[in-house]
């Protein structure tokens, strides 16, 4: 397998296509993966659900 110098691997993407391998490649650099987590608030889901129910009721009655 000889490199075709397409430049796909040098663009810094997590997933890229390699024509020499004829396959997609997933980069193993884990330092670029960021996972955003929402702060846990046990009441927020229920409050949002109740609020959206009220909004739906108001839209239906209008």
N, C-alpha and C. Protein backbone atom coordinates (compact mmCIF):
# COMPACT_ATOMS: atom_id res chain seq x y z
N UNK A 1 0.86 -1.18 0.00
CA UNK A 1 0.00 0.00 0.00
C UNK A 1 0.90 1.24 0.00
N UNK A 2 0.83 1.97 -1.06
CA UNK A 2 1.66 3.16 -1.20
C UNK A 2 0.79 4.41 -1.09
N UNK A 3 1.26 5.40 -0.35
CA UNK A 3 0.50 6.64 -0.16
C UNK A 3 0.35 7.37 -1.49
N UNK A 4 -0.84 7.88 -1.74
CA UNK A 4 -1.12 8.60 -2.98
C UNK A 4 -1.00 10.12 -2.82
N UNK A 5 -0.61 10.57 -1.61
CA UNK A 5 -0.45 12.00 -1.30
C UNK A 5 -1.69 12.82 -1.60
N UNK A 6 -2.84 12.30 -1.19
CA UNK A 6 -4.10 13.03 -1.42
C UNK A 6 -4.28 14.16 -0.41
N UNK A 7 -3.67 14.03 0.77
CA UNK A 7 -3.77 15.08 1.78
C UNK A 7 -4.93 14.92 2.74
N UNK A 8 -5.76 13.91 2.57
CA UNK A 8 -6.91 13.72 3.47
C UNK A 8 -6.48 13.50 4.91
N UNK A 9 -5.40 12.77 5.11
CA UNK A 9 -4.96 12.46 6.48
C UNK A 9 -4.30 13.66 7.15
N UNK A 10 -3.95 14.67 6.40
CA UNK A 10 -3.26 15.83 6.95
C UNK A 10 -4.19 16.99 7.25
N UNK A 11 -5.49 16.81 7.03
CA UNK A 11 -6.44 17.89 7.27
C UNK A 11 -6.87 17.98 8.73
N UNK A 12 -6.53 16.99 9.54
CA UNK A 12 -6.83 17.05 10.96
C UNK A 12 -8.24 16.62 11.32
N UNK A 13 -8.90 15.87 10.46
CA UNK A 13 -10.25 15.40 10.74
C UNK A 13 -10.20 14.09 11.53
N UNK A 14 -11.27 13.81 12.29
CA UNK A 14 -11.34 12.56 13.04
C UNK A 14 -11.57 11.37 12.12
N UNK A 15 -12.34 11.55 11.05
CA UNK A 15 -12.62 10.48 10.09
C UNK A 15 -12.31 11.02 8.70
N UNK A 16 -11.60 10.24 7.92
CA UNK A 16 -11.27 10.65 6.56
C UNK A 16 -11.20 9.43 5.66
N UNK A 17 -11.30 9.66 4.37
CA UNK A 17 -11.21 8.58 3.39
C UNK A 17 -9.78 8.49 2.87
N UNK A 18 -9.24 7.28 2.84
CA UNK A 18 -7.89 7.04 2.32
C UNK A 18 -8.01 6.26 1.02
N UNK A 19 -7.71 6.90 -0.12
CA UNK A 19 -7.82 6.18 -1.40
C UNK A 19 -6.79 5.06 -1.54
N UNK A 20 -5.66 5.14 -0.87
CA UNK A 20 -4.67 4.07 -0.95
C UNK A 20 -5.18 2.80 -0.28
N UNK A 21 -5.89 2.97 0.83
CA UNK A 21 -6.49 1.83 1.54
C UNK A 21 -7.85 1.47 0.98
N UNK A 22 -8.46 2.41 0.23
CA UNK A 22 -9.81 2.27 -0.29
C UNK A 22 -10.79 2.05 0.87
N UNK A 23 -10.62 2.85 1.93
CA UNK A 23 -11.44 2.70 3.12
C UNK A 23 -11.43 4.00 3.92
N UNK A 24 -12.39 4.12 4.83
CA UNK A 24 -12.42 5.25 5.74
C UNK A 24 -11.55 4.92 6.94
N UNK A 25 -10.87 5.94 7.47
CA UNK A 25 -9.97 5.77 8.60
C UNK A 25 -10.47 6.64 9.75
N UNK A 26 -10.50 6.07 10.95
CA UNK A 26 -10.88 6.82 12.16
C UNK A 26 -9.60 7.11 12.92
N UNK A 27 -9.33 8.39 13.14
CA UNK A 27 -8.11 8.81 13.83
C UNK A 27 -8.18 8.37 15.29
N UNK A 28 -7.06 7.91 15.81
CA UNK A 28 -7.00 7.41 17.18
C UNK A 28 -6.58 8.49 18.19
N UNK A 29 -6.49 9.74 17.77
CA UNK A 29 -6.09 10.81 18.67
C UNK A 29 -7.26 11.16 19.58
N UNK A 30 -7.20 10.71 20.82
CA UNK A 30 -8.31 10.91 21.74
C UNK A 30 -8.29 12.29 22.39
N UNK A 31 -7.20 13.02 22.26
CA UNK A 31 -7.14 14.33 22.90
C UNK A 31 -8.04 15.35 22.20
N UNK A 32 -8.51 15.04 21.00
CA UNK A 32 -9.37 15.97 20.28
C UNK A 32 -10.86 15.70 20.49
N UNK A 33 -11.19 14.63 21.19
CA UNK A 33 -12.59 14.29 21.42
C UNK A 33 -13.06 15.00 22.68
N UNK A 34 -14.10 15.78 22.52
CA UNK A 34 -14.66 16.50 23.66
C UNK A 34 -16.09 16.02 23.87
N UNK A 35 -16.42 15.72 25.10
CA UNK A 35 -17.77 15.30 25.44
C UNK A 35 -18.35 16.36 26.36
N UNK A 36 -19.42 16.98 25.91
CA UNK A 36 -20.08 17.98 26.74
C UNK A 36 -21.15 17.29 27.57
N UNK A 37 -21.14 17.58 28.84
CA UNK A 37 -22.15 17.01 29.72
C UNK A 37 -22.94 18.15 30.33
N UNK A 38 -24.22 17.93 30.41
CA UNK A 38 -25.07 18.92 31.05
C UNK A 38 -24.97 18.76 32.56
N UNK A 39 -25.01 19.85 33.29
CA UNK A 39 -25.02 19.73 34.74
C UNK A 39 -26.30 19.02 35.18
N UNK A 40 -26.15 18.14 36.12
CA UNK A 40 -27.31 17.36 36.54
C UNK A 40 -28.19 18.20 37.47
N UNK A 41 -29.44 18.30 37.10
CA UNK A 41 -30.45 18.98 37.90
C UNK A 41 -31.68 18.08 37.87
N UNK A 42 -31.94 17.38 38.95
CA UNK A 42 -33.02 16.40 38.92
C UNK A 42 -34.40 17.01 38.66
N UNK A 43 -34.59 18.28 38.95
CA UNK A 43 -35.90 18.89 38.76
C UNK A 43 -36.09 19.48 37.37
N UNK A 44 -35.02 19.71 36.65
CA UNK A 44 -35.12 20.42 35.37
C UNK A 44 -35.93 19.64 34.34
N UNK A 45 -35.75 18.34 34.23
CA UNK A 45 -36.48 17.56 33.24
C UNK A 45 -37.98 17.60 33.49
N UNK A 46 -38.37 17.45 34.72
CA UNK A 46 -39.79 17.45 35.05
C UNK A 46 -40.39 18.84 34.83
N UNK A 47 -39.65 19.89 35.22
CA UNK A 47 -40.15 21.25 35.03
C UNK A 47 -40.29 21.57 33.55
N UNK A 48 -39.33 21.18 32.75
CA UNK A 48 -39.40 21.41 31.31
C UNK A 48 -40.59 20.68 30.70
N UNK A 49 -40.84 19.46 31.17
CA UNK A 49 -41.94 18.67 30.65
C UNK A 49 -43.28 19.32 30.99
N UNK A 50 -43.43 19.78 32.22
CA UNK A 50 -44.68 20.44 32.64
C UNK A 50 -44.86 21.73 31.86
N UNK A 51 -43.79 22.48 31.66
CA UNK A 51 -43.87 23.74 30.94
C UNK A 51 -44.28 23.51 29.49
N UNK A 52 -43.74 22.49 28.85
CA UNK A 52 -44.09 22.22 27.46
C UNK A 52 -45.53 21.74 27.35
N UNK A 53 -46.03 21.03 28.35
CA UNK A 53 -47.44 20.61 28.34
C UNK A 53 -48.35 21.83 28.40
N UNK A 54 -47.98 22.80 29.25
CA UNK A 54 -48.78 24.02 29.37
C UNK A 54 -48.79 24.79 28.05
N UNK A 55 -47.64 24.87 27.40
CA UNK A 55 -47.56 25.58 26.13
C UNK A 55 -48.42 24.90 25.07
N UNK A 56 -48.43 23.58 25.05
CA UNK A 56 -49.26 22.85 24.08
C UNK A 56 -50.73 23.10 24.33
N UNK A 57 -51.12 23.10 25.58
CA UNK A 57 -52.53 23.35 25.92
C UNK A 57 -52.95 24.73 25.47
N UNK A 58 -52.07 25.73 25.68
CA UNK A 58 -52.39 27.08 25.28
C UNK A 58 -52.52 27.20 23.75
N UNK A 59 -51.66 26.52 23.02
CA UNK A 59 -51.72 26.56 21.56
C UNK A 59 -52.98 25.90 21.03
N UNK A 60 -53.40 24.81 21.65
CA UNK A 60 -54.61 24.11 21.21
C UNK A 60 -55.86 24.93 21.47
N UNK A 61 -55.89 25.64 22.59
CA UNK A 61 -57.08 26.40 22.97
C UNK A 61 -57.22 27.68 22.17
N UNK A 62 -56.13 28.16 21.57
CA UNK A 62 -56.18 29.42 20.81
C UNK A 62 -56.85 29.27 19.49
